Amino acid sequence: MSDTTRQVVAVDVGGTKIASALVSLGDGRRPRISHAGKVPTEAALGGSRVLENVIASVRRVIDESGATALAGIGVSSAGVIDPATGEVTYANELMPGWGGTPLGARLADAFGLPTRVLNDVHAHALGEARWGGGLGKGSCLVVAVGTGIGGAFVNQGSILLGAHNEAGHIGHVSCTDAAGIACPCGAVGHLEPIGAGPGILSRYLELGGKPSCEDGSALDGAVIDRRAAAGDEAAIKAEARAGHALGEVLGSMVNMFDPDCVILSGSVAKCGPAWRDALDAGWAEAVMPPVAGTPVVSGQLGDDAPLIGAAENVITSGYAQLA
């Protein structure tokens, strides 16, 4: 390790798994990840159990790596996070009891190390903006599309959080394709219920798609995408609605933020032409001519993005708070 390299224990806390690793930064190259591991979140057992699993994950990385000069602990976590305190201020029913957890303070007390916490999508966006699809760009809009839809606007290497640490909830922007459709957040007409993976699946079944797989495995988005590529009309229509809705919202957001690029990541962003052609159509309908040429690129870091973003946030603050 060079004299300029700094090491951070990074943890990514999701609804189903907790990933952890040692991240080495500062030598001018893409951050290096080592001693990576994953454990179940056990979210159904409550916030206290999740916290225990996070602490155990950090301890594992420290013990396995033998690192003795750590710069700190960086955390990417599901839920609404107050980055100034590291507290989880809100979490939905998928992580009962996680809201209100003083995550940053508990980790700092347990290990005696500086600890910083970001929302998981914000951390993902920071990693992609600094070292992935946004490398060398002044600003980017990062959107992750999987079982949900989240995003963040990163300008000059800093995430725009907003007055309530809520900025970037692009899945909860209204779009014409979702008119009249209820969103789990309690509103109506949002992108996420039709644009995320579960929305594609439910629409496919509504349209008469085959509910089972030939090999007996569970029906999922990858299967629907393969069926769309093979000409299954229900699959094509389900993906097209999702893609068109996302394209419309992306065009609108680019009109507002004027980023250097849009970075798409997540499982749904891997869908084929039925989805992507519809996204392009929705984009063309919504985007203004001066920003119509903004490139839409794929994320490059995959599951490493939130770990890298969380580690970066320890070394150099990753967020910009509105006054």
Protein backbone atom coordinates (compact mmCIF):
# COMPACT_ATOMS: atom_id res chain seq x y z
CA MET A 1 0.00 0.00 0.00
CA SER A 2 1.37 3.41 -0.98
CA ASP A 3 1.64 6.32 1.42
CA THR A 4 -1.28 8.06 -0.33
CA THR A 5 -3.67 5.09 -0.17
CA ARG A 6 -6.37 5.19 2.49
CA GLN A 7 -8.46 2.22 3.55
CA VAL A 8 -12.11 2.21 4.58
CA VAL A 9 -14.39 -0.55 5.77
CA ALA A 10 -17.48 -0.22 3.57
CA VAL A 11 -20.87 -1.77 4.25
CA ASP A 12 -23.96 -1.85 2.03
CA VAL A 13 -27.16 -2.59 3.98
CA GLY A 14 -30.03 -3.75 1.78
CA GLY A 15 -33.38 -5.35 2.47
CA THR A 16 -32.13 -8.88 1.82
CA LYS A 17 -28.35 -8.81 2.21
CA ILE A 18 -25.51 -6.91 3.82
CA ALA A 19 -22.36 -6.63 1.72
CA SER A 20 -19.06 -5.57 3.26
CA ALA A 21 -15.48 -5.11 2.09
CA LEU A 22 -12.22 -3.25 2.57
CA VAL A 23 -11.98 -0.42 0.03
CA SER A 24 -8.58 1.10 -0.78
CA LEU A 25 -8.64 4.59 -2.28
CA GLY A 26 -6.35 7.44 -3.13
CA ASP A 27 -3.68 6.15 -5.49
CA GLY A 28 -5.23 7.67 -8.60
CA ARG A 29 -6.75 4.41 -9.79
CA ARG A 30 -10.24 3.00 -9.42
CA PRO A 31 -10.79 2.06 -5.76
CA ARG A 32 -9.80 -1.52 -5.00
CA ILE A 33 -12.12 -3.88 -3.14
CA SER A 34 -10.84 -6.79 -1.07
CA HIS A 35 -12.07 -9.09 1.72
CA ALA A 36 -15.60 -8.87 0.34
CA GLY A 37 -18.42 -10.85 1.87
CA LYS A 38 -22.20 -11.00 2.20
CA VAL A 39 -24.64 -12.10 4.90
CA PRO A 40 -28.44 -12.09 5.08
CA THR A 41 -29.88 -8.85 6.45
CA GLU A 42 -32.55 -10.70 8.47
CA ALA A 43 -34.70 -7.58 8.21
CA ALA A 44 -37.84 -9.37 9.40
CA LEU A 45 -36.19 -9.89 12.80
CA GLY A 46 -36.10 -6.15 13.42
CA GLY A 47 -33.70 -3.24 13.47
CA SER A 48 -31.67 -4.52 16.40
CA ARG A 49 -30.81 -7.74 14.57
CA VAL A 50 -29.89 -5.83 11.43
CA LEU A 51 -27.59 -3.60 13.47
CA GLU A 52 -25.95 -6.67 15.03
CA ASN A 53 -25.33 -8.06 11.56
CA VAL A 54 -23.83 -4.78 10.37
CA ILE A 55 -21.47 -4.65 13.35
CA ALA A 56 -20.46 -8.28 12.76
CA SER A 57 -19.80 -7.51 9.08
CA VAL A 58 -17.50 -4.62 9.96
CA ARG A 59 -15.67 -6.75 12.52
CA ARG A 60 -15.20 -9.52 9.94
CA VAL A 61 -13.54 -7.15 7.46
CA ILE A 62 -11.23 -5.73 10.12
CA ASP A 63 -10.26 -9.18 11.41
CA GLU A 64 -9.73 -10.73 7.97
CA SER A 65 -7.80 -7.82 6.52
CA GLY A 66 -5.67 -7.12 9.56
CA ALA A 67 -5.89 -3.43 8.70
CA THR A 68 -4.65 -1.24 11.53
CA ALA A 69 -4.70 2.26 10.02
CA LEU A 70 -8.26 2.60 8.82
CA ALA A 71 -9.59 5.98 7.71
CA GLY A 72 -13.05 5.04 8.93
CA ILE A 73 -16.26 3.16 8.24
CA GLY A 74 -18.48 4.05 5.30
CA VAL A 75 -22.06 2.80 5.18
CA SER A 76 -24.63 2.62 2.39
CA SER A 77 -28.05 1.87 3.84
CA ALA A 78 -31.62 1.43 2.76
CA GLY A 79 -33.96 4.06 4.19
CA VAL A 80 -33.84 7.82 4.54
CA ILE A 81 -30.53 8.80 6.12
CA ASP A 82 -29.46 11.97 7.89
CA PRO A 83 -25.84 12.09 6.67
CA ALA A 84 -24.91 14.66 9.30
CA THR A 85 -25.67 12.21 12.14
CA GLY A 86 -25.73 8.83 10.41
CA GLU A 87 -29.23 8.13 11.74
CA VAL A 88 -31.80 6.16 9.76
CA THR A 89 -34.67 8.64 9.96
CA TYR A 90 -37.18 6.51 8.05
CA ALA A 91 -37.46 2.98 6.67
CA ASN A 92 -40.46 1.28 5.10
CA GLU A 93 -42.21 -1.95 6.08
CA LEU A 94 -39.56 -4.04 4.31
CA MET A 95 -37.20 -3.22 7.17
CA PRO A 96 -39.34 -3.03 10.31
CA GLY A 97 -37.69 -1.25 13.22
CA TRP A 98 -34.79 0.06 11.11
CA GLY A 99 -36.13 3.60 11.13
CA GLY A 100 -34.76 5.52 14.10
CA THR A 101 -31.56 3.46 14.32
CA PRO A 102 -28.54 5.66 15.24
CA LEU A 103 -26.43 3.66 12.81
CA GLY A 104 -23.45 5.98 12.51
CA ALA A 105 -23.17 6.59 16.25
CA ARG A 106 -23.41 2.90 17.12
CA LEU A 107 -20.67 1.93 14.68
CA ALA A 108 -18.42 4.77 15.79
CA ASP A 109 -18.85 3.69 19.42
CA ALA A 110 -18.28 0.02 18.64
CA PHE A 111 -15.05 0.52 16.70
CA GLY A 112 -13.71 3.95 17.66
CA LEU A 113 -13.54 4.98 14.01
CA PRO A 114 -15.01 7.93 12.09
CA THR A 115 -18.23 6.72 10.49
CA ARG A 116 -20.34 8.22 7.72
CA VAL A 117 -23.65 6.92 6.40
CA LEU A 118 -25.45 7.56 3.11
CA ASN A 119 -28.69 6.28 1.63
CA ASP A 120 -27.93 3.25 -0.54
CA VAL A 121 -29.00 4.85 -3.82
CA HIS A 122 -27.04 8.00 -2.99
CA ALA A 123 -23.96 5.90 -2.25
CA HIS A 124 -24.45 3.95 -5.47
CA ALA A 125 -24.72 7.22 -7.39
CA LEU A 126 -21.60 8.66 -5.76
CA GLY A 127 -19.59 5.59 -6.70
CA GLU A 128 -20.77 5.65 -10.31
CA ALA A 129 -20.32 9.41 -10.64
CA ARG A 130 -16.76 9.45 -9.34
CA TRP A 131 -15.42 6.15 -10.68
CA GLY A 132 -17.94 4.57 -13.05
CA GLY A 133 -20.09 5.91 -15.86
CA GLY A 134 -19.62 9.49 -14.68
CA LEU A 135 -15.83 9.45 -14.47
CA GLY A 136 -14.53 12.71 -15.89
CA LYS A 137 -18.00 14.29 -16.05
CA GLY A 138 -18.97 17.44 -14.20
CA SER A 139 -22.48 16.27 -13.39
CA CYS A 140 -24.67 13.22 -13.85
CA LEU A 141 -28.12 11.91 -13.08
CA VAL A 142 -27.81 8.36 -11.77
CA VAL A 143 -30.88 6.12 -11.85
CA ALA A 144 -31.05 2.56 -10.51
CA VAL A 145 -33.96 0.46 -11.79
CA GLY A 146 -34.59 -2.92 -10.18
CA THR A 147 -37.22 -3.97 -7.66
CA GLY A 148 -37.62 -0.24 -7.05
CA ILE A 149 -36.42 2.94 -8.74
CA GLY A 150 -34.08 5.39 -7.07
CA GLY A 151 -31.78 8.10 -8.23
CA ALA A 152 -29.51 10.99 -7.40
CA PHE A 153 -28.14 14.09 -9.06
CA VAL A 154 -24.38 14.38 -8.59
CA ASN A 155 -22.76 17.72 -9.39
CA GLN A 156 -18.98 18.22 -9.20
CA GLY A 157 -18.68 15.04 -7.18
CA SER A 158 -21.34 15.93 -4.60
CA ILE A 159 -24.86 14.50 -4.19
CA LEU A 160 -27.76 16.92 -3.98
CA LEU A 161 -29.72 15.78 -0.93
CA GLY A 162 -32.43 18.42 -0.53
CA ALA A 163 -33.86 19.95 2.63
CA HIS A 164 -35.15 16.60 3.96
CA ASN A 165 -32.46 14.27 2.54
CA GLU A 166 -35.08 13.05 0.05
CA ALA A 167 -33.77 14.41 -3.26
CA GLY A 168 -33.46 11.85 -6.04
CA HIS A 169 -36.68 9.86 -5.51
CA ILE A 170 -37.20 9.62 -9.24
CA GLY A 171 -39.41 6.55 -8.83
CA HIS A 172 -41.95 8.85 -7.22
CA VAL A 173 -42.20 11.30 -10.09
CA SER A 174 -45.52 11.33 -11.93
CA CYS A 175 -45.79 10.08 -15.53
CA THR A 176 -48.61 9.73 -18.02
CA ASP A 177 -48.35 5.93 -18.34
CA ALA A 178 -49.10 5.55 -14.62
CA ALA A 179 -52.20 7.74 -14.54
CA GLY A 180 -54.66 6.40 -11.97
CA ILE A 181 -52.32 3.66 -10.70
CA ALA A 182 -51.74 3.59 -6.94
CA CYS A 183 -48.18 3.74 -5.62
CA PRO A 184 -47.14 1.97 -2.38
CA CYS A 185 -46.08 5.37 -1.02
CA GLY A 186 -49.76 6.38 -0.94
CA ALA A 187 -49.75 8.66 -3.98
CA VAL A 188 -51.17 7.96 -7.43
CA GLY A 189 -49.53 8.01 -10.85
CA HIS A 190 -45.87 7.51 -9.92
CA LEU A 191 -43.25 5.85 -12.10
CA GLU A 192 -42.12 3.08 -9.74
CA PRO A 193 -45.27 0.88 -9.74
CA ILE A 194 -45.08 0.45 -13.52
CA GLY A 195 -41.40 1.04 -14.27
CA ALA A 196 -39.70 -1.25 -11.75
CA GLY A 197 -39.36 -5.01 -12.01
CA PRO A 198 -42.50 -5.96 -10.06
CA GLY A 199 -44.54 -3.62 -12.26
CA ILE A 200 -43.28 -5.32 -15.41
CA LEU A 201 -44.10 -8.73 -13.96
CA SER A 202 -47.62 -7.77 -12.87
CA ARG A 203 -48.37 -6.12 -16.23
CA TYR A 204 -47.13 -9.20 -18.08
CA LEU A 205 -49.52 -11.41 -16.12
CA GLU A 206 -52.39 -8.94 -16.59
CA LEU A 207 -51.84 -9.20 -20.34
CA GLY A 208 -52.15 -12.97 -20.25
CA GLY A 209 -48.48 -13.88 -20.07
CA LYS A 210 -47.58 -17.43 -19.11
CA PRO A 211 -47.19 -17.47 -15.30
CA SER A 212 -44.72 -20.35 -15.10
CA CYS A 213 -41.38 -21.39 -16.53
CA GLU A 214 -40.77 -24.57 -18.47
CA ASP A 215 -38.11 -25.72 -16.00
CA GLY A 216 -40.29 -25.03 -12.97
CA SER A 217 -38.29 -22.01 -11.82
CA ALA A 218 -39.94 -18.78 -10.69
CA LEU A 219 -40.99 -16.24 -13.28
CA ASP A 220 -38.80 -13.13 -13.11
CA GLY A 221 -37.74 -10.15 -15.16
CA ALA A 222 -34.96 -12.00 -16.96
CA VAL A 223 -37.42 -14.62 -18.17
CA ILE A 224 -39.85 -11.94 -19.36
CA ASP A 225 -37.03 -10.20 -21.21
CA ARG A 226 -36.07 -13.43 -22.97
CA ARG A 227 -39.69 -13.96 -23.91
CA ALA A 228 -39.90 -10.41 -25.27
CA ALA A 229 -36.84 -11.10 -27.42
CA ALA A 230 -38.57 -14.24 -28.72
CA GLY A 231 -41.66 -12.28 -29.76
CA ASP A 232 -44.01 -12.83 -26.79
CA GLU A 233 -46.50 -9.96 -27.25
CA ALA A 234 -47.43 -9.73 -23.56
CA ALA A 235 -43.75 -9.49 -22.62
CA ILE A 236 -43.09 -6.86 -25.28
CA LYS A 237 -46.03 -4.73 -24.13
CA ALA A 238 -45.12 -5.04 -20.44
CA GLU A 239 -41.53 -3.97 -21.06
CA ALA A 240 -42.60 -1.24 -23.47
CA ARG A 241 -44.87 0.42 -20.92
CA ALA A 242 -42.10 0.41 -18.33
CA GLY A 243 -39.48 1.69 -20.75
CA HIS A 244 -41.68 4.45 -22.14
CA ALA A 245 -42.56 5.66 -18.64
CA LEU A 246 -38.93 5.76 -17.58
CA GLY A 247 -37.91 7.55 -20.77
CA GLU A 248 -40.55 10.22 -20.21
CA VAL A 249 -39.38 10.82 -16.66
CA LEU A 250 -35.70 10.85 -17.63
CA GLY A 251 -36.39 13.41 -20.34
CA SER A 252 -38.22 15.60 -17.86
CA MET A 253 -35.45 15.32 -15.29
CA VAL A 254 -32.79 16.17 -17.87
CA ASN A 255 -34.81 19.25 -18.79
CA MET A 256 -34.63 20.26 -15.15
CA PHE A 257 -31.06 19.35 -14.15
CA ASP A 258 -29.16 19.47 -17.47
CA PRO A 259 -26.53 16.85 -16.46
CA ASP A 260 -23.53 15.90 -18.58
CA CYS A 261 -24.92 12.35 -18.74
CA VAL A 262 -27.55 9.98 -17.40
CA ILE A 263 -26.29 6.72 -15.89
CA LEU A 264 -28.67 3.75 -15.79
CA SER A 265 -28.00 0.72 -13.61
CA GLY A 266 -29.92 -2.12 -12.03
CA SER A 267 -31.47 -5.32 -13.33
CA VAL A 268 -34.22 -3.69 -15.40
CA ALA A 269 -31.66 -1.52 -17.18
CA LYS A 270 -30.32 -4.73 -18.75
CA CYS A 271 -33.57 -5.33 -20.67
CA GLY A 272 -33.44 -5.65 -24.43
CA PRO A 273 -34.83 -3.70 -27.41
CA ALA A 274 -38.52 -3.82 -26.46
CA TRP A 275 -37.70 -1.87 -23.30
CA ARG A 276 -34.92 0.31 -24.67
CA ASP A 277 -36.75 1.34 -27.83
CA ALA A 278 -39.74 2.39 -25.74
CA LEU A 279 -37.44 4.31 -23.38
CA ASP A 280 -35.99 6.18 -26.34
CA ALA A 281 -39.51 7.01 -27.54
CA GLY A 282 -40.60 8.32 -24.14
CA TRP A 283 -37.39 10.35 -23.91
CA ALA A 284 -37.95 11.91 -27.34
CA GLU A 285 -41.48 12.94 -26.41
CA ALA A 286 -40.41 14.70 -23.20
CA VAL A 287 -36.89 16.07 -23.66
CA MET A 288 -36.25 19.64 -24.83
CA PRO A 289 -34.10 20.16 -27.96
CA PRO A 290 -31.13 21.83 -26.18
CA VAL A 291 -30.56 18.75 -23.99
CA ALA A 292 -31.84 16.00 -26.32
CA GLY A 293 -28.30 14.86 -27.06
CA THR A 294 -27.46 14.15 -23.41
CA PRO A 295 -25.92 10.66 -23.40
CA VAL A 296 -27.69 7.87 -21.52
CA VAL A 297 -25.03 5.33 -20.51
CA SER A 298 -24.86 2.12 -18.51
CA GLY A 299 -23.41 1.93 -15.02
CA GLN A 300 -19.97 0.32 -14.85
CA LEU A 301 -19.48 -0.66 -11.22
CA GLY A 302 -22.36 -3.07 -10.58
CA ASP A 303 -22.66 -4.15 -6.93
CA ASP A 304 -19.38 -2.42 -6.11
CA ALA A 305 -20.90 1.03 -6.66
CA PRO A 306 -22.49 1.54 -3.20
CA LEU A 307 -19.40 0.20 -1.42
CA ILE A 308 -17.15 2.55 -3.35
CA GLY A 309 -19.53 5.46 -2.82
CA ALA A 310 -19.76 4.78 0.91
CA ALA A 311 -15.96 4.65 1.18
CA GLU A 312 -15.55 7.83 -0.86
CA ASN A 313 -17.95 9.58 1.50
CA VAL A 314 -15.57 8.91 4.38
CA ILE A 315 -12.56 10.39 2.61
CA THR A 316 -14.33 13.34 0.98
CA SER A 317 -17.89 14.28 1.86
CA GLY A 318 -20.16 13.11 -0.92
CA TYR A 319 -23.14 15.34 -0.32
CA ALA A 320 -24.29 18.91 -0.81
CA GLN A 321 -27.08 20.08 1.49
CA LEU A 322 -29.51 22.74 0.33
CA ALA A 323 -29.66 25.74 2.64
